[in-house]
Amino acid sequence: MAKISAGDGAKLHVETVGSGTPVVFVHEYAGDYRSWEPQMRHFCRQHRCVTYSQRGYPPSDVPSDPARYSQDIARDDVIAVMDALGIDKAHVVGHSMGGYTALHVGIRYPRRCLSVTAAGCGWGSSADVGKREAMKAMAAETGKMFADEGIVSAAAKYADAPMRQAFKNKDPRGWSEFARMLSEHSAEGHAHTMLNLQLKRPTLWEMEGELKQFSVPLLVIVGDEDDLCLDGSLFIKRTAPTAALLVVPRAGHTINSEEPAMVNAALAELFSAAEAGRWLAHKSA
């Protein structure tokens, strides 16, 4: 484990294991570097695996200035981690909030990406203005909840959200571990992240022009019980020319922990095809 410095000096906790082609894992709003343990253990056998906690998530720094949280900053933190570790190109795998960030890395820094994965991506996005405003209101309420109630109370409510019920019902032990780790986070970090990154980031529909130009091999993964991410995942598939879509049956939002075998198998196929230059082989003339 190590601490690396982001562009503004924020210290990010980073862990690496294994050797081979690099894979960088970017966690969700309710996760941290530990969320990727099922993937780290599996892929370290053939890859150099990197996981880190984003700013606002201990043991990384929790800046008190709201201006030090944004989608562009989160995007550039991925590159800062890669630069600090001497990684020129990597498979960038993101979940939920991290999936948005992975997309932005692929858009802004395609040369640094061997592939991009956006799992459980789409929360807060809608083509419908009314639904978008409702999601923004929900994000504002969530940020206020963490700021006002503290991490233990807010985390307990957030972990038990509808999008987490499939995980809770199928795998109570796994869900309990997820909920416990969430309760160990920073309420301040969660409030700043929700109010300044998630609330203010562009929707997938607002990214349509950039997604149409997406050039990196792209895998989109979503659970069929992850209602708030289904439409967005379909939109990415229909918009980005390099996108493939995996819909996992009977699965909710916490997809990499809830269904690690299926996610790992899909990632392995992506990595292999991308490295061989055969990701779009099915479309070859």
C-alpha atoms as a PDB file:
ATOM      1  CA  MET A   1       0.000   0.000   0.000  1.00  0.00           C
ATOM      2  CA  ALA A   2       1.104   3.563  -0.653  1.00  0.00           C
ATOM      3  CA  LYS A   3      -0.057   7.166  -0.712  1.00  0.00           C
ATOM      4  CA  ILE A   4       0.273   9.088  -3.962  1.00  0.00           C
ATOM      5  CA  SER A   5      -0.285  12.792  -4.565  1.00  0.00           C
ATOM      6  CA  ALA A   6      -3.013  14.001  -6.904  1.00  0.00           C
ATOM      7  CA  GLY A   7      -2.614  17.180  -8.928  1.00  0.00           C
ATOM      8  CA  ASP A   8      -3.773  19.456  -6.097  1.00  0.00           C
ATOM      9  CA  GLY A   9      -1.721  17.637  -3.490  1.00  0.00           C
ATOM     10  CA  ALA A  10      -4.493  15.428  -2.098  1.00  0.00           C
ATOM     11  CA  LYS A  11      -3.077  12.124  -0.896  1.00  0.00           C
ATOM     12  CA  LEU A  12      -4.771   9.004  -2.267  1.00  0.00           C
ATOM     13  CA  HIS A  13      -4.444   5.561  -0.702  1.00  0.00           C
ATOM     14  CA  VAL A  14      -3.402   3.056  -3.391  1.00  0.00           C
ATOM     15  CA  GLU A  15      -2.876  -0.709  -3.256  1.00  0.00           C
ATOM     16  CA  THR A  16      -1.330  -2.867  -5.979  1.00  0.00           C
ATOM     17  CA  VAL A  17      -0.842  -6.594  -6.428  1.00  0.00           C
ATOM     18  CA  GLY A  18       0.310  -8.899  -9.209  1.00  0.00           C
ATOM     19  CA  SER A  19       2.193  -8.311 -12.419  1.00  0.00           C
ATOM     20  CA  GLY A  20       1.318  -8.104 -16.084  1.00  0.00           C
ATOM     21  CA  THR A  21      -1.011  -5.831 -18.021  1.00  0.00           C
ATOM     22  CA  PRO A  22      -2.336  -3.165 -15.603  1.00  0.00           C
ATOM     23  CA  VAL A  23      -5.949  -2.906 -14.459  1.00  0.00           C
ATOM     24  CA  VAL A  24      -7.139   0.133 -12.491  1.00  0.00           C
ATOM     25  CA  PHE A  25     -10.353  -0.263 -10.468  1.00  0.00           C
ATOM     26  CA  VAL A  26     -12.429   2.843  -9.625  1.00  0.00           C
ATOM     27  CA  HIS A  27     -15.008   2.392  -6.849  1.00  0.00           C
ATOM     28  CA  GLU A  28     -18.589   3.571  -6.433  1.00  0.00           C
ATOM     29  CA  TYR A  29     -20.055   6.220  -4.118  1.00  0.00           C
ATOM     30  CA  ALA A  30     -20.802   3.658  -1.412  1.00  0.00           C
ATOM     31  CA  GLY A  31     -17.492   1.816  -1.839  1.00  0.00           C
ATOM     32  CA  ASP A  32     -13.768   2.253  -1.335  1.00  0.00           C
ATOM     33  CA  TYR A  33     -10.560   0.453  -2.324  1.00  0.00           C
ATOM     34  CA  ARG A  34     -11.788  -2.705  -0.586  1.00  0.00           C
ATOM     35  CA  SER A  35     -14.861  -2.989  -2.818  1.00  0.00           C
ATOM     36  CA  TRP A  36     -12.784  -4.597  -5.550  1.00  0.00           C
ATOM     37  CA  GLU A  37     -11.378  -7.456  -3.481  1.00  0.00           C
ATOM     38  CA  PRO A  38     -13.148 -10.186  -5.553  1.00  0.00           C
ATOM     39  CA  GLN A  39     -11.590  -8.711  -8.690  1.00  0.00           C
ATOM     40  CA  MET A  40      -8.166  -8.018  -7.160  1.00  0.00           C
ATOM     41  CA  ARG A  41      -7.825 -11.623  -5.973  1.00  0.00           C
ATOM     42  CA  HIS A  42      -8.921 -13.037  -9.318  1.00  0.00           C
ATOM     43  CA  PHE A  43      -7.028 -10.823 -11.757  1.00  0.00           C
ATOM     44  CA  CYS A  44      -3.755 -10.445  -9.847  1.00  0.00           C
ATOM     45  CA  ARG A  45      -2.825 -13.913 -11.140  1.00  0.00           C
ATOM     46  CA  GLN A  46      -2.223 -12.481 -14.615  1.00  0.00           C
ATOM     47  CA  HIS A  47      -2.435  -8.703 -14.250  1.00  0.00           C
ATOM     48  CA  ARG A  48      -0.985  -5.832 -12.277  1.00  0.00           C
ATOM     49  CA  CYS A  49      -4.079  -4.795 -10.316  1.00  0.00           C
ATOM     50  CA  VAL A  50      -4.529  -1.349  -8.796  1.00  0.00           C
ATOM     51  CA  THR A  51      -7.254  -0.232  -6.400  1.00  0.00           C
ATOM     52  CA  TYR A  52      -7.476   3.062  -4.552  1.00  0.00           C
ATOM     53  CA  SER A  53      -9.793   5.103  -2.379  1.00  0.00           C
ATOM     54  CA  GLN A  54     -10.977   8.279  -4.036  1.00  0.00           C
ATOM     55  CA  ARG A  55     -10.579  11.658  -2.369  1.00  0.00           C
ATOM     56  CA  GLY A  56     -13.107  11.983   0.420  1.00  0.00           C
ATOM     57  CA  TYR A  57     -12.729   8.298   1.318  1.00  0.00           C
ATOM     58  CA  PRO A  58     -10.340   7.411   4.158  1.00  0.00           C
ATOM     59  CA  PRO A  59      -7.555   6.412   4.295  1.00  0.00           C
ATOM     60  CA  SER A  60      -7.261   8.868   1.377  1.00  0.00           C
ATOM     61  CA  ASP A  61      -7.455  12.569   2.224  1.00  0.00           C
ATOM     62  CA  VAL A  62     -10.830  14.206   2.852  1.00  0.00           C
ATOM     63  CA  PRO A  63     -10.446  17.800   1.604  1.00  0.00           C
ATOM     64  CA  SER A  64     -12.705  20.268   3.385  1.00  0.00           C
ATOM     65  CA  ASP A  65     -12.923  22.621   0.385  1.00  0.00           C
ATOM     66  CA  PRO A  66     -15.933  21.720  -1.821  1.00  0.00           C
ATOM     67  CA  ALA A  67     -14.069  23.059  -4.861  1.00  0.00           C
ATOM     68  CA  ARG A  68     -11.674  20.114  -4.609  1.00  0.00           C
ATOM     69  CA  TYR A  69     -14.426  17.683  -5.652  1.00  0.00           C
ATOM     70  CA  SER A  70     -15.749  17.414  -9.214  1.00  0.00           C
ATOM     71  CA  GLN A  71     -16.117  14.976 -12.092  1.00  0.00           C
ATOM     72  CA  ASP A  72     -13.054  16.393 -13.850  1.00  0.00           C
ATOM     73  CA  ILE A  73     -10.996  16.119 -10.664  1.00  0.00           C
ATOM     74  CA  ALA A  74     -12.092  12.496 -10.161  1.00  0.00           C
ATOM     75  CA  ARG A  75     -11.157  11.772 -13.784  1.00  0.00           C
ATOM     76  CA  ASP A  76      -7.720  13.308 -13.407  1.00  0.00           C
ATOM     77  CA  ASP A  77      -7.136  11.464 -10.118  1.00  0.00           C
ATOM     78  CA  VAL A  78      -7.218   8.198 -12.106  1.00  0.00           C
ATOM     79  CA  ILE A  79      -4.447   9.519 -14.341  1.00  0.00           C
ATOM     80  CA  ALA A  80      -2.515  10.742 -11.278  1.00  0.00           C
ATOM     81  CA  VAL A  81      -2.618   7.214  -9.840  1.00  0.00           C
ATOM     82  CA  MET A  82      -1.408   5.746 -13.125  1.00  0.00           C
ATOM     83  CA  ASP A  83       1.367   8.329 -13.451  1.00  0.00           C
ATOM     84  CA  ALA A  84       2.567   7.762  -9.888  1.00  0.00           C
ATOM     85  CA  LEU A  85       2.802   4.022 -10.537  1.00  0.00           C
ATOM     86  CA  GLY A  86       4.502   4.445 -13.907  1.00  0.00           C
ATOM     87  CA  ILE A  87       1.546   2.998 -15.818  1.00  0.00           C
ATOM     88  CA  ASP A  88       1.210   4.264 -19.380  1.00  0.00           C
ATOM     89  CA  LYS A  89      -1.883   2.273 -20.376  1.00  0.00           C
ATOM     90  CA  ALA A  90      -4.375   0.235 -18.371  1.00  0.00           C
ATOM     91  CA  HIS A  91      -7.770  -1.379 -18.437  1.00  0.00           C
ATOM     92  CA  VAL A  92      -9.884   1.146 -16.482  1.00  0.00           C
ATOM     93  CA  VAL A  93     -12.759  -0.545 -14.647  1.00  0.00           C
ATOM     94  CA  GLY A  94     -15.328   1.613 -12.873  1.00  0.00           C
ATOM     95  CA  HIS A  95     -18.504   0.916 -10.937  1.00  0.00           C
ATOM     96  CA  SER A  96     -21.400   3.397 -10.655  1.00  0.00           C
ATOM     97  CA  MET A  97     -19.787   6.755  -9.786  1.00  0.00           C
ATOM     98  CA  GLY A  98     -16.508   5.130 -10.792  1.00  0.00           C
ATOM     99  CA  GLY A  99     -18.128   3.985 -14.032  1.00  0.00           C
ATOM    100  CA  TYR A 100     -18.915   7.582 -14.944  1.00  0.00           C
ATOM    101  CA  THR A 101     -15.329   8.475 -14.129  1.00  0.00           C
ATOM    102  CA  ALA A 102     -14.008   5.605 -16.262  1.00  0.00           C
ATOM    103  CA  LEU A 103     -16.086   6.893 -19.188  1.00  0.00           C
ATOM    104  CA  HIS A 104     -14.627  10.361 -18.732  1.00  0.00           C
ATOM    105  CA  VAL A 105     -11.108   8.913 -18.660  1.00  0.00           C
ATOM    106  CA  GLY A 106     -11.840   7.088 -21.913  1.00  0.00           C
ATOM    107  CA  ILE A 107     -13.190  10.288 -23.479  1.00  0.00           C
ATOM    108  CA  ARG A 108     -10.416  12.646 -22.313  1.00  0.00           C
ATOM    109  CA  TYR A 109      -7.456  10.233 -22.239  1.00  0.00           C
ATOM    110  CA  PRO A 110      -8.140   7.432 -24.758  1.00  0.00           C
ATOM    111  CA  ARG A 111      -4.431   6.856 -25.304  1.00  0.00           C
ATOM    112  CA  ARG A 112      -4.087   5.829 -21.655  1.00  0.00           C
ATOM    113  CA  CYS A 113      -6.826   3.176 -21.862  1.00  0.00           C
ATOM    114  CA  LEU A 114      -6.564  -0.391 -23.104  1.00  0.00           C
ATOM    115  CA  SER A 115     -10.270  -0.719 -22.359  1.00  0.00           C
ATOM    116  CA  VAL A 116     -12.976   0.873 -20.236  1.00  0.00           C
ATOM    117  CA  THR A 117     -15.690  -0.803 -18.176  1.00  0.00           C
ATOM    118  CA  ALA A 118     -18.733   1.057 -16.861  1.00  0.00           C
ATOM    119  CA  ALA A 119     -20.665  -1.167 -14.445  1.00  0.00           C
ATOM    120  CA  GLY A 120     -23.886  -0.029 -12.771  1.00  0.00           C
ATOM    121  CA  CYS A 121     -23.602   3.306 -14.578  1.00  0.00           C
ATOM    122  CA  GLY A 122     -26.521   5.688 -15.041  1.00  0.00           C
ATOM    123  CA  TRP A 123     -27.753   6.854 -11.626  1.00  0.00           C
ATOM    124  CA  GLY A 124     -28.900  10.461 -11.879  1.00  0.00           C
ATOM    125  CA  SER A 125     -29.157  10.419 -15.679  1.00  0.00           C
ATOM    126  CA  SER A 126     -32.344  10.698 -17.669  1.00  0.00           C
ATOM    127  CA  ALA A 127     -33.475  12.148 -20.981  1.00  0.00           C
ATOM    128  CA  ASP A 128     -36.603  13.357 -19.176  1.00  0.00           C
ATOM    129  CA  VAL A 129     -36.120  16.813 -17.635  1.00  0.00           C
ATOM    130  CA  GLY A 130     -38.593  16.128 -14.843  1.00  0.00           C
ATOM    131  CA  LYS A 131     -36.886  12.889 -13.844  1.00  0.00           C
ATOM    132  CA  ARG A 132     -33.493  14.580 -13.996  1.00  0.00           C
ATOM    133  CA  GLU A 133     -34.661  17.328 -11.642  1.00  0.00           C
ATOM    134  CA  ALA A 134     -36.075  14.699  -9.275  1.00  0.00           C
ATOM    135  CA  MET A 135     -32.713  12.892  -9.268  1.00  0.00           C
ATOM    136  CA  LYS A 136     -30.897  16.153  -8.536  1.00  0.00           C
ATOM    137  CA  ALA A 137     -33.231  16.742  -5.604  1.00  0.00           C
ATOM    138  CA  MET A 138     -32.534  13.215  -4.368  1.00  0.00           C
ATOM    139  CA  ALA A 139     -28.784  13.816  -4.643  1.00  0.00           C
ATOM    140  CA  ALA A 140     -29.086  17.057  -2.685  1.00  0.00           C
ATOM    141  CA  GLU A 141     -31.090  15.292   0.033  1.00  0.00           C
ATOM    142  CA  THR A 142     -28.523  12.494   0.192  1.00  0.00           C
ATOM    143  CA  GLY A 143     -25.622  14.911   0.560  1.00  0.00           C
ATOM    144  CA  LYS A 144     -27.485  16.764   3.298  1.00  0.00           C
ATOM    145  CA  MET A 145     -28.280  13.468   5.054  1.00  0.00           C
ATOM    146  CA  PHE A 146     -24.606  12.565   5.325  1.00  0.00           C
ATOM    147  CA  ALA A 147     -23.688  16.085   6.444  1.00  0.00           C
ATOM    148  CA  ASP A 148     -26.421  16.313   9.065  1.00  0.00           C
ATOM    149  CA  GLU A 149     -26.766  12.787  10.435  1.00  0.00           C
ATOM    150  CA  GLY A 150     -23.193  11.520  10.461  1.00  0.00           C
ATOM    151  CA  ILE A 151     -21.745   8.460   8.835  1.00  0.00           C
ATOM    152  CA  VAL A 152     -23.293   5.668  10.938  1.00  0.00           C
ATOM    153  CA  SER A 153     -26.920   6.739  10.554  1.00  0.00           C
ATOM    154  CA  ALA A 154     -26.637   7.905   6.941  1.00  0.00           C
ATOM    155  CA  ALA A 155     -24.671   4.839   5.855  1.00  0.00           C
ATOM    156  CA  ALA A 156     -27.263   2.486   7.359  1.00  0.00           C
ATOM    157  CA  LYS A 157     -30.000   4.166   5.322  1.00  0.00           C
ATOM    158  CA  TYR A 158     -27.971   4.351   2.127  1.00  0.00           C
ATOM    159  CA  ALA A 159     -26.872   0.707   2.325  1.00  0.00           C
ATOM    160  CA  ASP A 160     -30.516  -0.385   2.590  1.00  0.00           C
ATOM    161  CA  ALA A 161     -31.691   1.480  -0.521  1.00  0.00           C
ATOM    162  CA  PRO A 162     -33.917  -0.314  -3.080  1.00  0.00           C
ATOM    163  CA  MET A 163     -30.994  -0.819  -5.481  1.00  0.00           C
ATOM    164  CA  ARG A 164     -29.193  -2.867  -2.787  1.00  0.00           C
ATOM    165  CA  GLN A 165     -32.045  -5.255  -1.954  1.00  0.00           C
ATOM    166  CA  ALA A 166     -31.105  -7.950  -4.472  1.00  0.00           C
ATOM    167  CA  PHE A 167     -27.654  -8.134  -2.884  1.00  0.00           C
ATOM    168  CA  LYS A 168     -29.067  -8.121   0.643  1.00  0.00           C
ATOM    169  CA  ASN A 169     -31.575 -10.886  -0.090  1.00  0.00           C
ATOM    170  CA  LYS A 170     -29.237 -13.189  -2.033  1.00  0.00           C
ATOM    171  CA  ASP A 171     -26.061 -12.710  -0.010  1.00  0.00           C
ATOM    172  CA  PRO A 172     -26.744 -11.360   3.510  1.00  0.00           C
ATOM    173  CA  ARG A 173     -23.121 -11.864   4.574  1.00  0.00           C
ATOM    174  CA  GLY A 174     -21.761 -10.020   1.557  1.00  0.00           C
ATOM    175  CA  TRP A 175     -24.261  -7.200   2.000  1.00  0.00           C
ATOM    176  CA  SER A 176     -23.445  -6.907   5.702  1.00  0.00           C
ATOM    177  CA  GLU A 177     -19.765  -6.560   4.879  1.00  0.00           C
ATOM    178  CA  PHE A 178     -20.597  -3.869   2.309  1.00  0.00           C
ATOM    179  CA  ALA A 179     -22.759  -1.996   4.846  1.00  0.00           C
ATOM    180  CA  ARG A 180     -20.071  -2.220   7.524  1.00  0.00           C
ATOM    181  CA  MET A 181     -17.383  -0.821   5.235  1.00  0.00           C
ATOM    182  CA  LEU A 182     -19.698   2.016   4.203  1.00  0.00           C
ATOM    183  CA  SER A 183     -20.221   2.896   7.879  1.00  0.00           C
ATOM    184  CA  GLU A 184     -16.445   3.363   8.229  1.00  0.00           C
ATOM    185  CA  HIS A 185     -16.338   6.178   5.654  1.00  0.00           C
ATOM    186  CA  SER A 186     -16.298   9.949   6.168  1.00  0.00           C
ATOM    187  CA  ALA A 187     -19.626  11.776   6.368  1.00  0.00           C
ATOM    188  CA  GLU A 188     -17.894  14.955   5.212  1.00  0.00           C
ATOM    189  CA  GLY A 189     -16.344  13.168   2.260  1.00  0.00           C
ATOM    190  CA  HIS A 190     -19.668  11.657   1.251  1.00  0.00           C
ATOM    191  CA  ALA A 191     -21.450  14.995   1.504  1.00  0.00           C
ATOM    192  CA  HIS A 192     -18.857  16.803  -0.619  1.00  0.00           C
ATOM    193  CA  THR A 193     -18.753  13.994  -3.181  1.00  0.00           C
ATOM    194  CA  MET A 194     -22.521  13.876  -3.594  1.00  0.00           C
ATOM    195  CA  LEU A 195     -23.055  17.636  -3.697  1.00  0.00           C
ATOM    196  CA  ASN A 196     -20.095  18.573  -5.878  1.00  0.00           C
ATOM    197  CA  LEU A 197     -19.449  15.533  -8.074  1.00  0.00           C
ATOM    198  CA  GLN A 198     -22.598  13.470  -8.464  1.00  0.00           C
ATOM    199  CA  LEU A 199     -25.072  16.374  -8.342  1.00  0.00           C
ATOM    200  CA  LYS A 200     -23.144  18.521 -10.825  1.00  0.00           C
ATOM    201  CA  ARG A 201     -21.768  15.984 -13.315  1.00  0.00           C
ATOM    202  CA  PRO A 202     -23.290  15.883 -16.818  1.00  0.00           C
ATOM    203  CA  THR A 203     -25.909  13.267 -17.564  1.00  0.00           C
ATOM    204  CA  LEU A 204     -25.131  10.499 -20.029  1.00  0.00           C
ATOM    205  CA  TRP A 205     -27.521  12.177 -22.466  1.00  0.00           C
ATOM    206  CA  GLU A 206     -25.536  15.408 -22.158  1.00  0.00           C
ATOM    207  CA  MET A 207     -22.431  13.365 -23.029  1.00  0.00           C
ATOM    208  CA  GLU A 208     -24.011  11.998 -26.229  1.00  0.00           C
ATOM    209  CA  GLY A 209     -21.664  13.785 -28.624  1.00  0.00           C
ATOM    210  CA  GLU A 210     -18.578  12.561 -26.758  1.00  0.00           C
ATOM    211  CA  LEU A 211     -19.935   9.029 -26.441  1.00  0.00           C
ATOM    212  CA  LYS A 212     -20.540   8.895 -30.198  1.00  0.00           C
ATOM    213  CA  GLN A 213     -16.805   9.472 -30.656  1.00  0.00           C
ATOM    214  CA  PHE A 214     -15.764   6.906 -28.027  1.00  0.00           C
ATOM    215  CA  SER A 215     -12.854   4.929 -29.457  1.00  0.00           C
ATOM    216  CA  VAL A 216     -11.737   2.595 -26.648  1.00  0.00           C
ATOM    217  CA  PRO A 217     -13.099  -0.959 -26.207  1.00  0.00           C
ATOM    218  CA  LEU A 218     -16.033  -0.466 -23.831  1.00  0.00           C
ATOM    219  CA  LEU A 219     -17.956  -2.948 -21.693  1.00  0.00           C
ATOM    220  CA  VAL A 220     -21.191  -1.888 -19.994  1.00  0.00           C
ATOM    221  CA  ILE A 221     -22.497  -4.121 -17.185  1.00  0.00           C
ATOM    222  CA  VAL A 222     -25.828  -3.680 -15.398  1.00  0.00           C
ATOM    223  CA  GLY A 223     -28.080  -5.784 -13.192  1.00  0.00           C
ATOM    224  CA  ASP A 224     -31.653  -6.189 -14.393  1.00  0.00           C
ATOM    225  CA  GLU A 225     -32.888  -5.133 -10.924  1.00  0.00           C
ATOM    226  CA  ASP A 226     -30.825  -1.931 -11.048  1.00  0.00           C
ATOM    227  CA  ASP A 227     -33.758   0.175 -12.240  1.00  0.00           C
ATOM    228  CA  LEU A 228     -32.078   3.577 -12.095  1.00  0.00           C
ATOM    229  CA  CYS A 229     -29.173   2.414 -14.268  1.00  0.00           C
ATOM    230  CA  LEU A 230     -30.923   0.306 -16.931  1.00  0.00           C
ATOM    231  CA  ASP A 231     -31.906   3.145 -19.259  1.00  0.00           C
ATOM    232  CA  GLY A 232     -28.490   4.774 -18.999  1.00  0.00           C
ATOM    233  CA  SER A 233     -26.692   1.521 -19.718  1.00  0.00           C
ATOM    234  CA  LEU A 234     -28.832   0.940 -22.803  1.00  0.00           C
ATOM    235  CA  PHE A 235     -28.148   4.516 -23.904  1.00  0.00           C
ATOM    236  CA  ILE A 236     -24.383   3.984 -23.674  1.00  0.00           C
ATOM    237  CA  LYS A 237     -24.677   0.762 -25.681  1.00  0.00           C
ATOM    238  CA  ARG A 238     -26.725   2.459 -28.390  1.00  0.00           C
ATOM    239  CA  THR A 239     -24.491   5.529 -28.527  1.00  0.00           C
ATOM    240  CA  ALA A 240     -20.849   4.479 -28.102  1.00  0.00           C
ATOM    241  CA  PRO A 241     -19.617   2.596 -31.200  1.00  0.00           C
ATOM    242  CA  THR A 242     -17.274   0.341 -29.218  1.00  0.00           C
ATOM    243  CA  ALA A 243     -19.761  -0.625 -26.490  1.00  0.00           C
ATOM    244  CA  ALA A 244     -20.938  -4.105 -25.563  1.00  0.00           C
ATOM    245  CA  LEU A 245     -23.693  -4.613 -22.988  1.00  0.00           C
ATOM    246  CA  LEU A 246     -23.998  -7.355 -20.364  1.00  0.00           C
ATOM    247  CA  VAL A 247     -27.280  -7.472 -18.437  1.00  0.00           C
ATOM    248  CA  VAL A 248     -26.970  -9.714 -15.382  1.00  0.00           C
ATOM    249  CA  PRO A 249     -30.260 -11.363 -14.383  1.00  0.00           C
ATOM    250  CA  ARG A 250     -31.669 -11.060 -10.854  1.00  0.00           C
ATOM    251  CA  ALA A 251     -28.929  -8.606  -9.887  1.00  0.00           C
ATOM    252  CA  GLY A 252     -28.958  -5.154  -8.359  1.00  0.00           C
ATOM    253  CA  HIS A 253     -26.574  -2.226  -8.191  1.00  0.00           C
ATOM    254  CA  THR A 254     -23.640  -3.596  -6.188  1.00  0.00           C
ATOM    255  CA  ILE A 255     -22.839  -5.796  -9.148  1.00  0.00           C
ATOM    256  CA  ASN A 256     -19.102  -6.497  -8.733  1.00  0.00           C
ATOM    257  CA  SER A 257     -19.632  -7.744  -5.172  1.00  0.00           C
ATOM    258  CA  GLU A 258     -23.039  -9.299  -5.743  1.00  0.00           C
ATOM    259  CA  GLU A 259     -22.120 -11.342  -8.842  1.00  0.00           C
ATOM    260  CA  PRO A 260     -18.295 -11.468  -8.898  1.00  0.00           C
ATOM    261  CA  ALA A 261     -18.032 -14.645 -10.998  1.00  0.00           C
ATOM    262  CA  MET A 262     -20.105 -13.222 -13.849  1.00  0.00           C
ATOM    263  CA  VAL A 263     -18.393  -9.843 -13.694  1.00  0.00           C
ATOM    264  CA  ASN A 264     -14.937 -11.420 -13.611  1.00  0.00           C
ATOM    265  CA  ALA A 265     -15.712 -13.654 -16.585  1.00  0.00           C
ATOM    266  CA  ALA A 266     -16.921 -10.677 -18.615  1.00  0.00           C
ATOM    267  CA  LEU A 267     -13.888  -8.612 -17.675  1.00  0.00           C
ATOM    268  CA  ALA A 268     -11.531 -11.446 -18.604  1.00  0.00           C
ATOM    269  CA  GLU A 269     -13.093 -11.661 -22.062  1.00  0.00           C
ATOM    270  CA  LEU A 270     -12.851  -7.890 -22.487  1.00  0.00           C
ATOM    271  CA  PHE A 271      -9.202  -7.768 -21.440  1.00  0.00           C
ATOM    272  CA  SER A 272      -8.219 -10.617 -23.735  1.00  0.00           C
ATOM    273  CA  ALA A 273     -10.088  -9.317 -26.781  1.00  0.00           C
ATOM    274  CA  ALA A 274      -8.909  -5.727 -26.285  1.00  0.00           C
ATOM    275  CA  GLU A 275      -5.269  -6.752 -25.900  1.00  0.00           C
ATOM    276  CA  ALA A 276      -5.523  -8.900 -29.039  1.00  0.00           C
ATOM    277  CA  GLY A 277      -7.151  -6.101 -31.027  1.00  0.00           C
ATOM    278  CA  ARG A 278     -10.252  -8.259 -31.502  1.00  0.00           C
ATOM    279  CA  TRP A 279     -12.884  -6.498 -29.384  1.00  0.00           C
ATOM    280  CA  LEU A 280     -14.879  -5.487 -32.471  1.00  0.00           C
ATOM    281  CA  ALA A 281     -14.150  -8.691 -34.412  1.00  0.00           C
ATOM    282  CA  HIS A 282     -17.876  -9.444 -34.674  1.00  0.00           C
ATOM    283  CA  LYS A 283     -18.315  -6.314 -36.781  1.00  0.00           C
ATOM    284  CA  SER A 284     -15.456  -7.015 -39.184  1.00  0.00           C
ATOM    285  CA  ALA A 285     -16.377  -7.288 -42.847  1.00  0.00           C
END
